[in-house]
């Protein structure tokens, strides 16, 4: 039943309106864009010595990564590098692209990063988390159609959509477990890419969805009610993040590229914090939404500058422990095969690029 229903919903996705993908000219899975002419000057001294080829997986999430993409900051600062951007629907897709050798860097959630750092996935991909794009709060939420549902336990017997292997999926599993619901028996949890959710929602194929903006906002505007958010699951001891990852052998050969990449990410975070109106204009272009809506979505995420990211509270220590805590929960839910020692997760977090960007 789960397979046939998922296929049926995938068919609905063919007619779904996807504002984020329409704006970017991509399909529902991936689109590769050659680096366009920079829209702005490099805020630093450009490094013309870097000739790296970099394929970057990005997602339609309102954070600094899409600001960097829209403004062409990386292209402006590394004018002799060969840069392409590959769109992904979820972190699970990004891991797949890594495994196929199709990308070198990519944005994914902390739950997919945990999977990639755990056996057996770690035998197929060798990634390091080098950046925290955002700390997820109300930007990812469980949205329900029936306003009379006021507690997670009330979801028994319903169909809930989420992108599998994403931070949203992880938060959903945690919320269900905390409410005493078995996701394999008490509810029907289906794997659905965000851009396919509005059509499934409107045709009553799903009763709820845990998803991020801009689709989250679409479901709320279409009569949905927020039941719980990732801010709540973070308060329960399981924070989630959108993180920047890199293939470790590529990183070792392209340190100068990675340093500039971190510097432009940090610059874009500063724009969001200091000039959110201008940053929202870039996010609006990439996500295909109004600038006012883009600026409002900033409220659901926390953005960290490079010096804070490199600290012991994040990339410098605690994030690796958070990954292992996530692994323990995913193992309990049967989502991964084993939890490695703490040293294994330490090995897959590298504060070096953030440290260099902060200097």
C-alpha atoms as a PDB file:
ATOM      1  CA  UNK A   1       0.000   0.000   0.000  1.00  0.00           C
ATOM      2  CA  UNK A   2       2.786   2.397   0.837  1.00  0.00           C
ATOM      3  CA  UNK A   3       4.497   1.809  -2.525  1.00  0.00           C
ATOM      4  CA  UNK A   4       1.373   2.208  -4.633  1.00  0.00           C
ATOM      5  CA  UNK A   5       0.261   5.286  -2.751  1.00  0.00           C
ATOM      6  CA  UNK A   6       3.677   6.872  -3.123  1.00  0.00           C
ATOM      7  CA  UNK A   7       3.600   6.212  -6.854  1.00  0.00           C
ATOM      8  CA  UNK A   8       0.143   7.716  -7.110  1.00  0.00           C
ATOM      9  CA  UNK A   9       1.284  10.823  -5.327  1.00  0.00           C
ATOM     10  CA  UNK A  10       4.332  11.049  -7.570  1.00  0.00           C
ATOM     11  CA  UNK A  11       1.987  11.132 -10.547  1.00  0.00           C
ATOM     12  CA  UNK A  12       0.111  13.999  -8.969  1.00  0.00           C
ATOM     13  CA  UNK A  13       3.405  15.841  -8.730  1.00  0.00           C
ATOM     14  CA  UNK A  14       3.496  16.082 -12.514  1.00  0.00           C
ATOM     15  CA  UNK A  15       0.672  18.606 -12.391  1.00  0.00           C
ATOM     16  CA  UNK A  16       1.643  20.302  -9.141  1.00  0.00           C
ATOM     17  CA  UNK A  17       2.498  23.974  -9.126  1.00  0.00           C
ATOM     18  CA  UNK A  18       5.975  24.344  -7.680  1.00  0.00           C
ATOM     19  CA  UNK A  19       6.871  27.960  -7.229  1.00  0.00           C
ATOM     20  CA  UNK A  20      10.379  27.243  -6.058  1.00  0.00           C
ATOM     21  CA  UNK A  21      11.287  25.027  -9.008  1.00  0.00           C
ATOM     22  CA  UNK A  22       9.480  27.154 -11.572  1.00  0.00           C
ATOM     23  CA  UNK A  23      11.581  30.088 -10.538  1.00  0.00           C
ATOM     24  CA  UNK A  24      14.796  28.108 -10.904  1.00  0.00           C
ATOM     25  CA  UNK A  25      13.951  26.364 -14.144  1.00  0.00           C
ATOM     26  CA  UNK A  26      14.604  22.941 -12.584  1.00  0.00           C
ATOM     27  CA  UNK A  27      12.718  19.686 -12.605  1.00  0.00           C
ATOM     28  CA  UNK A  28      11.508  17.911  -9.498  1.00  0.00           C
ATOM     29  CA  UNK A  29      14.812  16.148  -8.884  1.00  0.00           C
ATOM     30  CA  UNK A  30      17.820  18.001 -10.162  1.00  0.00           C
ATOM     31  CA  UNK A  31      18.862  20.803 -12.461  1.00  0.00           C
ATOM     32  CA  UNK A  32      22.390  21.821 -13.333  1.00  0.00           C
ATOM     33  CA  UNK A  33      23.059  25.443 -14.156  1.00  0.00           C
ATOM     34  CA  UNK A  34      26.324  26.646 -15.531  1.00  0.00           C
ATOM     35  CA  UNK A  35      27.593  29.478 -13.400  1.00  0.00           C
ATOM     36  CA  UNK A  36      25.979  32.660 -14.687  1.00  0.00           C
ATOM     37  CA  UNK A  37      27.796  35.958 -14.892  1.00  0.00           C
ATOM     38  CA  UNK A  38      28.212  37.335 -11.374  1.00  0.00           C
ATOM     39  CA  UNK A  39      25.435  39.685 -10.333  1.00  0.00           C
ATOM     40  CA  UNK A  40      27.684  41.554  -7.915  1.00  0.00           C
ATOM     41  CA  UNK A  41      31.329  42.216  -7.164  1.00  0.00           C
ATOM     42  CA  UNK A  42      33.309  39.988  -4.834  1.00  0.00           C
ATOM     43  CA  UNK A  43      33.270  41.506  -1.327  1.00  0.00           C
ATOM     44  CA  UNK A  44      36.891  40.356  -0.914  1.00  0.00           C
ATOM     45  CA  UNK A  45      39.991  40.221  -3.073  1.00  0.00           C
ATOM     46  CA  UNK A  46      39.109  37.644  -5.770  1.00  0.00           C
ATOM     47  CA  UNK A  47      41.380  34.611  -5.940  1.00  0.00           C
ATOM     48  CA  UNK A  48      42.256  34.129  -9.593  1.00  0.00           C
ATOM     49  CA  UNK A  49      44.646  31.271  -8.821  1.00  0.00           C
ATOM     50  CA  UNK A  50      41.836  28.809  -8.061  1.00  0.00           C
ATOM     51  CA  UNK A  51      40.875  26.697 -11.082  1.00  0.00           C
ATOM     52  CA  UNK A  52      38.809  24.068  -9.292  1.00  0.00           C
ATOM     53  CA  UNK A  53      35.824  22.345 -10.848  1.00  0.00           C
ATOM     54  CA  UNK A  54      33.035  22.389  -8.254  1.00  0.00           C
ATOM     55  CA  UNK A  55      29.552  20.899  -8.546  1.00  0.00           C
ATOM     56  CA  UNK A  56      27.360  22.196  -5.743  1.00  0.00           C
ATOM     57  CA  UNK A  57      24.053  20.657  -4.674  1.00  0.00           C
ATOM     58  CA  UNK A  58      21.603  23.236  -3.367  1.00  0.00           C
ATOM     59  CA  UNK A  59      18.036  23.216  -2.084  1.00  0.00           C
ATOM     60  CA  UNK A  60      15.233  25.773  -2.174  1.00  0.00           C
ATOM     61  CA  UNK A  61      15.603  26.830   1.464  1.00  0.00           C
ATOM     62  CA  UNK A  62      15.646  30.496   2.596  1.00  0.00           C
ATOM     63  CA  UNK A  63      19.224  30.727   3.787  1.00  0.00           C
ATOM     64  CA  UNK A  64      22.550  32.244   2.769  1.00  0.00           C
ATOM     65  CA  UNK A  65      23.314  29.509   0.238  1.00  0.00           C
ATOM     66  CA  UNK A  66      20.631  30.770  -2.145  1.00  0.00           C
ATOM     67  CA  UNK A  67      21.843  34.352  -1.614  1.00  0.00           C
ATOM     68  CA  UNK A  68      25.316  33.240  -2.676  1.00  0.00           C
ATOM     69  CA  UNK A  69      23.809  31.520  -5.714  1.00  0.00           C
ATOM     70  CA  UNK A  70      21.593  34.426  -6.770  1.00  0.00           C
ATOM     71  CA  UNK A  71      24.280  37.104  -6.408  1.00  0.00           C
ATOM     72  CA  UNK A  72      26.956  34.997  -8.075  1.00  0.00           C
ATOM     73  CA  UNK A  73      29.293  35.666  -5.158  1.00  0.00           C
ATOM     74  CA  UNK A  74      31.289  32.486  -5.575  1.00  0.00           C
ATOM     75  CA  UNK A  75      31.713  33.076  -9.301  1.00  0.00           C
ATOM     76  CA  UNK A  76      32.801  36.672  -8.656  1.00  0.00           C
ATOM     77  CA  UNK A  77      35.353  35.672  -6.022  1.00  0.00           C
ATOM     78  CA  UNK A  78      36.729  32.674  -7.935  1.00  0.00           C
ATOM     79  CA  UNK A  79      36.573  33.876 -11.548  1.00  0.00           C
ATOM     80  CA  UNK A  80      38.691  31.034 -12.970  1.00  0.00           C
ATOM     81  CA  UNK A  81      36.888  28.198 -11.206  1.00  0.00           C
ATOM     82  CA  UNK A  82      34.363  26.027 -13.056  1.00  0.00           C
ATOM     83  CA  UNK A  83      31.243  26.169 -10.851  1.00  0.00           C
ATOM     84  CA  UNK A  84      27.888  24.499 -11.456  1.00  0.00           C
ATOM     85  CA  UNK A  85      24.812  24.275  -9.238  1.00  0.00           C
ATOM     86  CA  UNK A  86      22.678  21.128  -9.038  1.00  0.00           C
ATOM     87  CA  UNK A  87      19.245  21.379  -7.471  1.00  0.00           C
ATOM     88  CA  UNK A  88      18.092  18.675  -5.056  1.00  0.00           C
ATOM     89  CA  UNK A  89      14.679  18.107  -3.500  1.00  0.00           C
ATOM     90  CA  UNK A  90      16.028  16.789  -0.184  1.00  0.00           C
ATOM     91  CA  UNK A  91      19.157  15.730   1.651  1.00  0.00           C
ATOM     92  CA  UNK A  92      18.499  12.128   0.696  1.00  0.00           C
ATOM     93  CA  UNK A  93      18.859  13.156  -2.941  1.00  0.00           C
ATOM     94  CA  UNK A  94      22.118  14.932  -2.166  1.00  0.00           C
ATOM     95  CA  UNK A  95      23.558  11.742  -0.651  1.00  0.00           C
ATOM     96  CA  UNK A  96      22.489   9.894  -3.806  1.00  0.00           C
ATOM     97  CA  UNK A  97      24.264  12.475  -5.973  1.00  0.00           C
ATOM     98  CA  UNK A  98      27.415  12.098  -3.887  1.00  0.00           C
ATOM     99  CA  UNK A  99      27.253   8.329  -4.228  1.00  0.00           C
ATOM    100  CA  UNK A 100      26.931   8.656  -8.001  1.00  0.00           C
ATOM    101  CA  UNK A 101      29.916  11.017  -8.133  1.00  0.00           C
ATOM    102  CA  UNK A 102      27.748  13.881  -9.423  1.00  0.00           C
ATOM    103  CA  UNK A 103      28.485  16.580  -6.807  1.00  0.00           C
ATOM    104  CA  UNK A 104      31.436  17.764  -4.728  1.00  0.00           C
ATOM    105  CA  UNK A 105      29.669  19.966  -2.177  1.00  0.00           C
ATOM    106  CA  UNK A 106      26.075  19.963  -1.011  1.00  0.00           C
ATOM    107  CA  UNK A 107      23.495  21.225   1.441  1.00  0.00           C
ATOM    108  CA  UNK A 108      21.664  18.620   3.481  1.00  0.00           C
ATOM    109  CA  UNK A 109      20.041  18.357   6.866  1.00  0.00           C
ATOM    110  CA  UNK A 110      21.795  17.054   9.941  1.00  0.00           C
ATOM    111  CA  UNK A 111      19.812  13.802   9.792  1.00  0.00           C
ATOM    112  CA  UNK A 112      21.050  12.927   6.272  1.00  0.00           C
ATOM    113  CA  UNK A 113      24.543  13.997   7.344  1.00  0.00           C
ATOM    114  CA  UNK A 114      24.256  11.559  10.230  1.00  0.00           C
ATOM    115  CA  UNK A 115      23.241   8.776   7.868  1.00  0.00           C
ATOM    116  CA  UNK A 116      26.197   9.583   5.627  1.00  0.00           C
ATOM    117  CA  UNK A 117      28.494   9.364   8.667  1.00  0.00           C
ATOM    118  CA  UNK A 118      27.096   5.982   9.748  1.00  0.00           C
ATOM    119  CA  UNK A 119      27.642   2.515   8.301  1.00  0.00           C
ATOM    120  CA  UNK A 120      26.811   1.319   5.719  1.00  0.00           C
ATOM    121  CA  UNK A 121      26.316   4.699   3.981  1.00  0.00           C
ATOM    122  CA  UNK A 122      29.769   5.889   5.024  1.00  0.00           C
ATOM    123  CA  UNK A 123      31.296   3.094   2.940  1.00  0.00           C
ATOM    124  CA  UNK A 124      29.730   4.612  -0.197  1.00  0.00           C
ATOM    125  CA  UNK A 125      30.267   8.317   0.523  1.00  0.00           C
ATOM    126  CA  UNK A 126      32.960  10.071   2.522  1.00  0.00           C
ATOM    127  CA  UNK A 127      31.684  13.468   3.596  1.00  0.00           C
ATOM    128  CA  UNK A 128      32.605  16.132   6.093  1.00  0.00           C
ATOM    129  CA  UNK A 129      30.235  18.717   7.549  1.00  0.00           C
ATOM    130  CA  UNK A 130      32.022  22.047   7.129  1.00  0.00           C
ATOM    131  CA  UNK A 131      29.277  24.643   7.566  1.00  0.00           C
ATOM    132  CA  UNK A 132      25.974  25.231   9.343  1.00  0.00           C
ATOM    133  CA  UNK A 133      23.647  26.971   6.928  1.00  0.00           C
ATOM    134  CA  UNK A 134      20.986  27.383   9.591  1.00  0.00           C
ATOM    135  CA  UNK A 135      19.643  26.085  12.869  1.00  0.00           C
ATOM    136  CA  UNK A 136      16.120  24.902  12.101  1.00  0.00           C
ATOM    137  CA  UNK A 137      13.199  26.277  14.092  1.00  0.00           C
ATOM    138  CA  UNK A 138       9.672  27.035  12.897  1.00  0.00           C
ATOM    139  CA  UNK A 139      10.848  26.858   9.280  1.00  0.00           C
ATOM    140  CA  UNK A 140      10.136  23.104   9.427  1.00  0.00           C
ATOM    141  CA  UNK A 141       6.825  22.024  10.883  1.00  0.00           C
ATOM    142  CA  UNK A 142       4.147  19.382  11.067  1.00  0.00           C
ATOM    143  CA  UNK A 143       1.135  20.863   9.271  1.00  0.00           C
ATOM    144  CA  UNK A 144      -2.270  19.172   9.628  1.00  0.00           C
ATOM    145  CA  UNK A 145      -5.408  19.582   7.516  1.00  0.00           C
ATOM    146  CA  UNK A 146      -7.920  18.917  10.285  1.00  0.00           C
ATOM    147  CA  UNK A 147      -7.863  21.775  12.785  1.00  0.00           C
ATOM    148  CA  UNK A 148      -9.506  19.526  15.388  1.00  0.00           C
ATOM    149  CA  UNK A 149      -6.224  17.595  15.655  1.00  0.00           C
ATOM    150  CA  UNK A 150      -4.502  19.310  18.555  1.00  0.00           C
ATOM    151  CA  UNK A 151      -2.020  16.652  19.661  1.00  0.00           C
ATOM    152  CA  UNK A 152       0.382  14.331  17.844  1.00  0.00           C
ATOM    153  CA  UNK A 153      -1.404  11.327  19.374  1.00  0.00           C
ATOM    154  CA  UNK A 154      -4.543  12.411  17.467  1.00  0.00           C
ATOM    155  CA  UNK A 155      -2.743  11.562  14.198  1.00  0.00           C
ATOM    156  CA  UNK A 156      -3.310   7.835  14.665  1.00  0.00           C
ATOM    157  CA  UNK A 157      -4.723   6.380  11.437  1.00  0.00           C
ATOM    158  CA  UNK A 158      -3.691   9.323   9.271  1.00  0.00           C
ATOM    159  CA  UNK A 159      -1.363   9.609   6.280  1.00  0.00           C
ATOM    160  CA  UNK A 160       1.636  11.889   6.822  1.00  0.00           C
ATOM    161  CA  UNK A 161       3.974  13.018   4.058  1.00  0.00           C
ATOM    162  CA  UNK A 162       7.629  13.947   4.517  1.00  0.00           C
ATOM    163  CA  UNK A 163      10.806  13.658   2.444  1.00  0.00           C
ATOM    164  CA  UNK A 164      12.540  10.523   3.698  1.00  0.00           C
ATOM    165  CA  UNK A 165      16.086  10.818   5.030  1.00  0.00           C
ATOM    166  CA  UNK A 166      15.587  14.532   5.735  1.00  0.00           C
ATOM    167  CA  UNK A 167      15.656  16.529   8.952  1.00  0.00           C
ATOM    168  CA  UNK A 168      11.864  16.778   8.656  1.00  0.00           C
ATOM    169  CA  UNK A 169      11.628  12.981   8.560  1.00  0.00           C
ATOM    170  CA  UNK A 170      13.852  12.723  11.627  1.00  0.00           C
ATOM    171  CA  UNK A 171      11.798  15.297  13.548  1.00  0.00           C
ATOM    172  CA  UNK A 172       8.568  13.535  12.567  1.00  0.00           C
ATOM    173  CA  UNK A 173       9.849  10.166  13.792  1.00  0.00           C
ATOM    174  CA  UNK A 174      10.895  11.737  17.063  1.00  0.00           C
ATOM    175  CA  UNK A 175       7.523  13.429  17.561  1.00  0.00           C
ATOM    176  CA  UNK A 176       5.640  10.209  16.808  1.00  0.00           C
ATOM    177  CA  UNK A 177       7.813   8.215  19.202  1.00  0.00           C
ATOM    178  CA  UNK A 178       7.370  10.793  21.953  1.00  0.00           C
ATOM    179  CA  UNK A 179       3.592  10.563  21.467  1.00  0.00           C
ATOM    180  CA  UNK A 180       3.662   6.767  21.712  1.00  0.00           C
ATOM    181  CA  UNK A 181       2.836   6.169  18.040  1.00  0.00           C
ATOM    182  CA  UNK A 182       4.564   3.523  15.935  1.00  0.00           C
ATOM    183  CA  UNK A 183       5.289   5.040  12.478  1.00  0.00           C
ATOM    184  CA  UNK A 184       5.090   1.569  10.911  1.00  0.00           C
ATOM    185  CA  UNK A 185       1.700   0.675  12.393  1.00  0.00           C
ATOM    186  CA  UNK A 186      -0.239   3.598  13.832  1.00  0.00           C
ATOM    187  CA  UNK A 187       0.170   6.053  10.947  1.00  0.00           C
ATOM    188  CA  UNK A 188       1.053   5.852   7.266  1.00  0.00           C
ATOM    189  CA  UNK A 189       4.260   7.804   6.697  1.00  0.00           C
ATOM    190  CA  UNK A 190       4.958   8.304   2.993  1.00  0.00           C
ATOM    191  CA  UNK A 191       8.005   9.622   1.175  1.00  0.00           C
ATOM    192  CA  UNK A 192       7.114  12.703  -0.838  1.00  0.00           C
ATOM    193  CA  UNK A 193       9.262  15.489  -2.253  1.00  0.00           C
ATOM    194  CA  UNK A 194       8.195  18.951  -1.062  1.00  0.00           C
ATOM    195  CA  UNK A 195       7.156  20.265  -4.479  1.00  0.00           C
ATOM    196  CA  UNK A 196       4.673  17.387  -4.842  1.00  0.00           C
ATOM    197  CA  UNK A 197       2.955  18.038  -1.527  1.00  0.00           C
ATOM    198  CA  UNK A 198       0.547  20.853  -2.520  1.00  0.00           C
ATOM    199  CA  UNK A 199      -1.166  18.669  -5.139  1.00  0.00           C
ATOM    200  CA  UNK A 200      -1.380  15.732  -2.721  1.00  0.00           C
ATOM    201  CA  UNK A 201      -2.726  18.064  -0.041  1.00  0.00           C
ATOM    202  CA  UNK A 202      -5.399  19.581  -2.274  1.00  0.00           C
ATOM    203  CA  UNK A 203      -6.580  16.181  -3.480  1.00  0.00           C
ATOM    204  CA  UNK A 204      -6.876  14.831   0.089  1.00  0.00           C
ATOM    205  CA  UNK A 205      -4.199  12.191  -0.486  1.00  0.00           C
ATOM    206  CA  UNK A 206      -2.453  13.239   2.736  1.00  0.00           C
ATOM    207  CA  UNK A 207      -3.701  14.380   6.131  1.00  0.00           C
ATOM    208  CA  UNK A 208      -0.514  16.038   7.336  1.00  0.00           C
ATOM    209  CA  UNK A 209       3.014  16.878   6.252  1.00  0.00           C
ATOM    210  CA  UNK A 210       6.272  17.722   7.987  1.00  0.00           C
ATOM    211  CA  UNK A 211       8.084  20.008   5.571  1.00  0.00           C
ATOM    212  CA  UNK A 212      10.033  23.242   5.237  1.00  0.00           C
ATOM    213  CA  UNK A 213       9.463  26.564   3.523  1.00  0.00           C
ATOM    214  CA  UNK A 214       8.339  27.595   1.013  1.00  0.00           C
ATOM    215  CA  UNK A 215       6.002  24.568   0.830  1.00  0.00           C
ATOM    216  CA  UNK A 216       5.232  24.829   4.546  1.00  0.00           C
ATOM    217  CA  UNK A 217       3.838  28.325   3.998  1.00  0.00           C
ATOM    218  CA  UNK A 218       1.813  27.115   1.014  1.00  0.00           C
ATOM    219  CA  UNK A 219       0.129  24.443   3.134  1.00  0.00           C
ATOM    220  CA  UNK A 220      -0.596  26.952   5.904  1.00  0.00           C
ATOM    221  CA  UNK A 221      -2.135  29.329   3.376  1.00  0.00           C
ATOM    222  CA  UNK A 222      -4.224  26.420   2.058  1.00  0.00           C
ATOM    223  CA  UNK A 223      -5.960  25.959   5.395  1.00  0.00           C
ATOM    224  CA  UNK A 224      -3.381  23.939   7.280  1.00  0.00           C
ATOM    225  CA  UNK A 225      -2.555  24.317  10.967  1.00  0.00           C
ATOM    226  CA  UNK A 226       0.907  24.047  12.509  1.00  0.00           C
ATOM    227  CA  UNK A 227       0.830  21.280  15.123  1.00  0.00           C
ATOM    228  CA  UNK A 228       4.509  21.141  15.993  1.00  0.00           C
ATOM    229  CA  UNK A 229       7.772  22.545  14.676  1.00  0.00           C
ATOM    230  CA  UNK A 230      11.439  21.682  14.715  1.00  0.00           C
ATOM    231  CA  UNK A 231      11.839  24.335  17.399  1.00  0.00           C
ATOM    232  CA  UNK A 232       9.761  22.051  19.628  1.00  0.00           C
ATOM    233  CA  UNK A 233      11.819  18.962  18.839  1.00  0.00           C
ATOM    234  CA  UNK A 234      14.996  20.972  19.462  1.00  0.00           C
ATOM    235  CA  UNK A 235      13.633  21.968  22.861  1.00  0.00           C
ATOM    236  CA  UNK A 236      13.067  18.248  23.512  1.00  0.00           C
ATOM    237  CA  UNK A 237      16.793  17.678  23.028  1.00  0.00           C
ATOM    238  CA  UNK A 238      17.056  16.853  19.335  1.00  0.00           C
ATOM    239  CA  UNK A 239      18.103  19.972  17.375  1.00  0.00           C
ATOM    240  CA  UNK A 240      18.302  19.874  13.602  1.00  0.00           C
ATOM    241  CA  UNK A 241      20.404  21.884  11.187  1.00  0.00           C
ATOM    242  CA  UNK A 242      20.888  22.475   7.492  1.00  0.00           C
ATOM    243  CA  UNK A 243      24.575  21.869   6.924  1.00  0.00           C
ATOM    244  CA  UNK A 244      27.130  22.323   4.190  1.00  0.00           C
ATOM    245  CA  UNK A 245      28.973  19.122   3.332  1.00  0.00           C
ATOM    246  CA  UNK A 246      31.909  18.286   1.089  1.00  0.00           C
ATOM    247  CA  UNK A 247      33.441  15.109  -0.284  1.00  0.00           C
ATOM    248  CA  UNK A 248      36.553  14.743   1.829  1.00  0.00           C
ATOM    249  CA  UNK A 249      39.073  13.803  -0.862  1.00  0.00           C
ATOM    250  CA  UNK A 250      37.837  16.715  -2.999  1.00  0.00           C
ATOM    251  CA  UNK A 251      38.184  19.029   0.013  1.00  0.00           C
ATOM    252  CA  UNK A 252      41.789  17.946   0.564  1.00  0.00           C
ATOM    253  CA  UNK A 253      42.627  18.872  -3.039  1.00  0.00           C
ATOM    254  CA  UNK A 254      40.664  22.145  -3.100  1.00  0.00           C
ATOM    255  CA  UNK A 255      41.322  23.896   0.202  1.00  0.00           C
ATOM    256  CA  UNK A 256      41.573  27.401  -1.302  1.00  0.00           C
ATOM    257  CA  UNK A 257      38.221  26.964  -3.045  1.00  0.00           C
ATOM    258  CA  UNK A 258      36.622  25.759   0.166  1.00  0.00           C
ATOM    259  CA  UNK A 259      38.022  28.684   2.136  1.00  0.00           C
ATOM    260  CA  UNK A 260      36.528  31.207  -0.305  1.00  0.00           C
ATOM    261  CA  UNK A 261      33.265  29.246  -0.349  1.00  0.00           C
ATOM    262  CA  UNK A 262      33.059  29.617   3.447  1.00  0.00           C
ATOM    263  CA  UNK A 263      33.927  33.306   3.233  1.00  0.00           C
ATOM    264  CA  UNK A 264      31.113  34.090   0.783  1.00  0.00           C
ATOM    265  CA  UNK A 265      28.683  32.003   2.843  1.00  0.00           C
ATOM    266  CA  UNK A 266      29.674  34.032   5.909  1.00  0.00           C
ATOM    267  CA  UNK A 267      29.245  37.263   3.955  1.00  0.00           C
ATOM    268  CA  UNK A 268      25.744  36.211   2.883  1.00  0.00           C
ATOM    269  CA  UNK A 269      24.840  35.341   6.493  1.00  0.00           C
ATOM    270  CA  UNK A 270      25.891  38.896   7.378  1.00  0.00           C
ATOM    271  CA  UNK A 271      23.529  40.224   4.697  1.00  0.00           C
ATOM    272  CA  UNK A 272      20.620  38.273   6.174  1.00  0.00           C
ATOM    273  CA  UNK A 273      21.414  39.595   9.644  1.00  0.00           C
ATOM    274  CA  UNK A 274      22.255  43.200   8.727  1.00  0.00           C
ATOM    275  CA  UNK A 275      20.212  43.862   5.576  1.00  0.00           C
ATOM    276  CA  UNK A 276      17.388  41.313   5.518  1.00  0.00           C
ATOM    277  CA  UNK A 277      15.418  43.270   2.926  1.00  0.00           C
ATOM    278  CA  UNK A 278      18.220  42.992   0.369  1.00  0.00           C
ATOM    279  CA  UNK A 279      18.866  39.348   1.259  1.00  0.00           C
ATOM    280  CA  UNK A 280      15.159  38.594   0.924  1.00  0.00           C
ATOM    281  CA  UNK A 281      15.228  39.951  -2.632  1.00  0.00           C
ATOM    282  CA  UNK A 282      17.769  37.265  -3.553  1.00  0.00           C
ATOM    283  CA  UNK A 283      15.887  34.514  -1.754  1.00  0.00           C
ATOM    284  CA  UNK A 284      12.668  35.606  -3.447  1.00  0.00           C
ATOM    285  CA  UNK A 285      14.255  35.314  -6.889  1.00  0.00           C
ATOM    286  CA  UNK A 286      15.560  31.804  -6.279  1.00  0.00           C
ATOM    287  CA  UNK A 287      12.482  30.487  -4.465  1.00  0.00           C
ATOM    288  CA  UNK A 288       9.964  32.234  -6.729  1.00  0.00           C
ATOM    289  CA  UNK A 289       8.123  33.985  -3.899  1.00  0.00           C
ATOM    290  CA  UNK A 290       7.454  37.577  -2.863  1.00  0.00           C
ATOM    291  CA  UNK A 291      10.316  39.346  -1.066  1.00  0.00           C
ATOM    292  CA  UNK A 292       8.032  39.996   1.917  1.00  0.00           C
ATOM    293  CA  UNK A 293       7.341  36.268   2.212  1.00  0.00           C
ATOM    294  CA  UNK A 294      11.037  35.505   1.926  1.00  0.00           C
ATOM    295  CA  UNK A 295      11.891  37.942   4.703  1.00  0.00           C
ATOM    296  CA  UNK A 296       9.178  36.442   6.915  1.00  0.00           C
ATOM    297  CA  UNK A 297      10.648  32.980   6.407  1.00  0.00           C
ATOM    298  CA  UNK A 298      13.965  34.134   7.878  1.00  0.00           C
ATOM    299  CA  UNK A 299      12.223  34.112  11.268  1.00  0.00           C
ATOM    300  CA  UNK A 300      11.987  30.328  11.231  1.00  0.00           C
ATOM    301  CA  UNK A 301      15.744  29.808  11.024  1.00  0.00           C
ATOM    302  CA  UNK A 302      18.780  30.949  13.007  1.00  0.00           C
ATOM    303  CA  UNK A 303      21.900  31.933  11.055  1.00  0.00           C
ATOM    304  CA  UNK A 304      25.411  31.778  12.485  1.00  0.00           C
ATOM    305  CA  UNK A 305      28.528  33.733  11.512  1.00  0.00           C
ATOM    306  CA  UNK A 306      31.761  31.862  10.856  1.00  0.00           C
ATOM    307  CA  UNK A 307      33.382  32.578  14.222  1.00  0.00           C
ATOM    308  CA  UNK A 308      30.374  31.203  16.112  1.00  0.00           C
ATOM    309  CA  UNK A 309      30.192  28.159  13.843  1.00  0.00           C
ATOM    310  CA  UNK A 310      33.849  27.335  14.469  1.00  0.00           C
ATOM    311  CA  UNK A 311      33.349  27.424  18.240  1.00  0.00           C
ATOM    312  CA  UNK A 312      33.054  24.450  20.568  1.00  0.00           C
ATOM    313  CA  UNK A 313      29.271  24.936  20.613  1.00  0.00           C
ATOM    314  CA  UNK A 314      29.008  23.940  16.953  1.00  0.00           C
ATOM    315  CA  UNK A 315      31.554  22.679  14.400  1.00  0.00           C
ATOM    316  CA  UNK A 316      34.337  22.844  16.966  1.00  0.00           C
ATOM    317  CA  UNK A 317      32.813  20.134  19.143  1.00  0.00           C
ATOM    318  CA  UNK A 318      29.121  19.857  19.976  1.00  0.00           C
ATOM    319  CA  UNK A 319      27.796  19.296  16.451  1.00  0.00           C
ATOM    320  CA  UNK A 320      29.599  15.967  16.192  1.00  0.00           C
ATOM    321  CA  UNK A 321      28.021  14.920  19.483  1.00  0.00           C
ATOM    322  CA  UNK A 322      24.612  16.002  18.153  1.00  0.00           C
ATOM    323  CA  UNK A 323      25.189  13.819  15.085  1.00  0.00           C
ATOM    324  CA  UNK A 324      25.874  10.800  17.260  1.00  0.00           C
ATOM    325  CA  UNK A 325      22.772  11.520  19.369  1.00  0.00           C
ATOM    326  CA  UNK A 326      20.807  11.670  16.127  1.00  0.00           C
ATOM    327  CA  UNK A 327      22.363   8.354  15.081  1.00  0.00           C
ATOM    328  CA  UNK A 328      21.262   6.721  18.328  1.00  0.00           C
ATOM    329  CA  UNK A 329      17.665   7.767  17.711  1.00  0.00           C
ATOM    330  CA  UNK A 330      17.744   6.710  14.042  1.00  0.00           C
ATOM    331  CA  UNK A 331      19.112   3.327  15.102  1.00  0.00           C
ATOM    332  CA  UNK A 332      16.294   2.903  17.629  1.00  0.00           C
ATOM    333  CA  UNK A 333      13.829   3.604  14.829  1.00  0.00           C
ATOM    334  CA  UNK A 334      15.490   1.103  12.490  1.00  0.00           C
ATOM    335  CA  UNK A 335      16.566   3.867  10.128  1.00  0.00           C
ATOM    336  CA  UNK A 336      20.295   3.013  10.229  1.00  0.00           C
ATOM    337  CA  UNK A 337      22.097  -0.269  10.849  1.00  0.00           C
ATOM    338  CA  UNK A 338      24.550   0.775  13.548  1.00  0.00           C
ATOM    339  CA  UNK A 339      25.830   3.648  15.657  1.00  0.00           C
ATOM    340  CA  UNK A 340      29.553   4.240  15.436  1.00  0.00           C
ATOM    341  CA  UNK A 341      31.839   5.472  18.207  1.00  0.00           C
ATOM    342  CA  UNK A 342      31.964   9.202  18.891  1.00  0.00           C
ATOM    343  CA  UNK A 343      35.330   9.421  17.108  1.00  0.00           C
ATOM    344  CA  UNK A 344      33.622   8.358  13.889  1.00  0.00           C
ATOM    345  CA  UNK A 345      31.290  11.364  13.976  1.00  0.00           C
ATOM    346  CA  UNK A 346      34.096  13.683  15.087  1.00  0.00           C
ATOM    347  CA  UNK A 347      35.967  12.624  11.968  1.00  0.00           C
ATOM    348  CA  UNK A 348      33.084  13.744   9.756  1.00  0.00           C
ATOM    349  CA  UNK A 349      32.940  17.321  11.091  1.00  0.00           C
ATOM    350  CA  UNK A 350      35.608  19.826  10.004  1.00  0.00           C
ATOM    351  CA  UNK A 351      35.705  23.328  11.493  1.00  0.00           C
ATOM    352  CA  UNK A 352      38.651  24.312   9.283  1.00  0.00           C
ATOM    353  CA  UNK A 353      36.809  26.259   6.536  1.00  0.00           C
ATOM    354  CA  UNK A 354      34.719  28.213   9.083  1.00  0.00           C
ATOM    355  CA  UNK A 355      37.829  28.930  11.137  1.00  0.00           C
ATOM    356  CA  UNK A 356      39.686  30.267   8.096  1.00  0.00           C
ATOM    357  CA  UNK A 357      36.661  32.301   6.985  1.00  0.00           C
ATOM    358  CA  UNK A 358      36.492  33.965  10.408  1.00  0.00           C
ATOM    359  CA  UNK A 359      40.120  35.150  10.260  1.00  0.00           C
END
